[in-house]
């Protein structure tokens, strides 16, 4: 099953984001055996002037594994996010494994 993780940054979080970016990227690259990372990236503000959060798409058999994955993200551990939302997701279009 696929899940989306939608993270919302603190308004003043850019310095914290920049300080922890490399360890966050290393975490995503070596994300572990229980959760398969499909895509991830920052979400910009409407005018593109700042980062407002991030979107991550993962695949696993248990939402608890997704919760653990999100909680162990260095950005989460550093306190960057004001909100973390996890939802099941049906990947229909653009799915390389059989979508449209």
Protein backbone atom coordinates (compact mmCIF):
# COMPACT_ATOMS: atom_id res chain seq x y z
CA UNK A 1 0.00 0.00 0.00
CA UNK A 2 1.15 3.53 -0.73
CA UNK A 3 1.11 6.41 1.74
CA UNK A 4 1.76 10.13 1.49
CA UNK A 5 3.52 12.08 4.19
CA UNK A 6 2.80 15.82 4.08
CA UNK A 7 5.05 17.84 6.37
CA UNK A 8 4.49 21.51 7.20
CA UNK A 9 7.54 23.55 8.21
CA UNK A 10 7.67 26.12 10.99
CA UNK A 11 7.42 29.63 9.55
CA UNK A 12 10.99 30.36 10.65
CA UNK A 13 12.35 26.90 9.84
CA UNK A 14 14.65 27.60 6.87
CA UNK A 15 17.83 27.78 8.96
CA UNK A 16 16.97 24.52 10.74
CA UNK A 17 16.10 22.93 7.38
CA UNK A 18 19.43 24.01 5.91
CA UNK A 19 21.37 22.78 8.96
CA UNK A 20 19.84 19.30 8.84
CA UNK A 21 19.41 18.90 5.08
CA UNK A 22 22.35 16.55 4.43
CA UNK A 23 21.51 14.16 7.27
CA UNK A 24 17.85 14.22 6.12
CA UNK A 25 18.89 13.33 2.56
CA UNK A 26 21.16 10.55 3.86
CA UNK A 27 18.20 9.22 5.86
CA UNK A 28 16.01 9.16 2.76
CA UNK A 29 18.73 7.48 0.68
CA UNK A 30 19.15 4.72 3.26
CA UNK A 31 15.54 4.66 4.38
CA UNK A 32 15.52 1.04 5.45
CA UNK A 33 14.00 -2.26 4.49
CA UNK A 34 10.46 -1.84 5.85
CA UNK A 35 9.48 1.26 3.87
CA UNK A 36 10.10 1.75 0.14
CA UNK A 37 10.62 5.40 -0.80
CA UNK A 38 9.08 6.33 -4.17
CA UNK A 39 9.49 10.10 -4.27
CA UNK A 40 10.15 13.07 -2.05
CA UNK A 41 10.70 16.78 -2.30
CA UNK A 42 10.13 20.18 -0.73
CA UNK A 43 6.95 22.18 -1.25
CA UNK A 44 7.52 25.85 -2.08
CA UNK A 45 5.29 28.77 -1.22
CA UNK A 46 2.97 29.95 -3.99
CA UNK A 47 5.41 32.68 -5.03
CA UNK A 48 8.38 30.29 -4.77
CA UNK A 49 10.20 32.47 -2.26
CA UNK A 50 10.46 29.91 0.55
CA UNK A 51 10.01 26.26 1.46
CA UNK A 52 6.77 25.50 3.29
CA UNK A 53 7.24 21.79 3.90
CA UNK A 54 7.68 18.53 2.02
CA UNK A 55 5.84 15.66 0.38
CA UNK A 56 6.99 12.05 0.56
CA UNK A 57 5.43 8.98 -1.08
CA UNK A 58 6.29 5.60 0.42
CA UNK A 59 5.11 2.02 0.12
CA UNK A 60 4.77 -0.51 2.92
CA UNK A 61 2.28 -2.95 4.41
CA UNK A 62 1.61 -1.13 7.68
CA UNK A 63 0.84 2.51 8.50
CA UNK A 64 2.75 2.13 11.78
CA UNK A 65 5.93 1.65 9.76
CA UNK A 66 5.16 4.92 7.98
CA UNK A 67 4.62 6.68 11.29
CA UNK A 68 7.98 5.37 12.54
CA UNK A 69 9.67 6.39 9.28
CA UNK A 70 8.26 9.93 9.55
CA UNK A 71 9.10 10.25 13.25
CA UNK A 72 12.71 9.15 12.68
CA UNK A 73 13.29 11.64 9.84
CA UNK A 74 16.06 14.01 10.97
CA UNK A 75 13.85 16.98 10.07
CA UNK A 76 11.20 15.66 12.48
CA UNK A 77 13.78 14.93 15.17
CA UNK A 78 15.14 18.48 14.83
CA UNK A 79 11.67 19.94 15.35
CA UNK A 80 11.29 21.46 11.86
CA UNK A 81 7.66 20.52 11.35
CA UNK A 82 4.54 22.02 12.89
CA UNK A 83 2.40 19.31 11.32
CA UNK A 84 2.95 15.83 9.89
CA UNK A 85 0.03 14.27 8.04
CA UNK A 86 0.09 10.63 6.91
CA UNK A 87 -2.59 9.24 4.62
CA UNK A 88 -3.08 6.07 2.58
CA UNK A 89 -2.88 6.86 -1.13
CA UNK A 90 -4.00 5.06 -4.27
CA UNK A 91 -1.35 5.78 -6.90
CA UNK A 92 -3.34 5.70 -10.14
CA UNK A 93 -1.66 7.91 -12.75
CA UNK A 94 2.07 7.82 -13.35
CA UNK A 95 2.64 4.72 -11.25
CA UNK A 96 5.61 2.94 -12.86
CA UNK A 97 4.35 -0.36 -11.49
CA UNK A 98 1.08 -0.49 -13.40
CA UNK A 99 -0.91 2.73 -13.21
CA UNK A 100 -2.18 4.71 -16.17
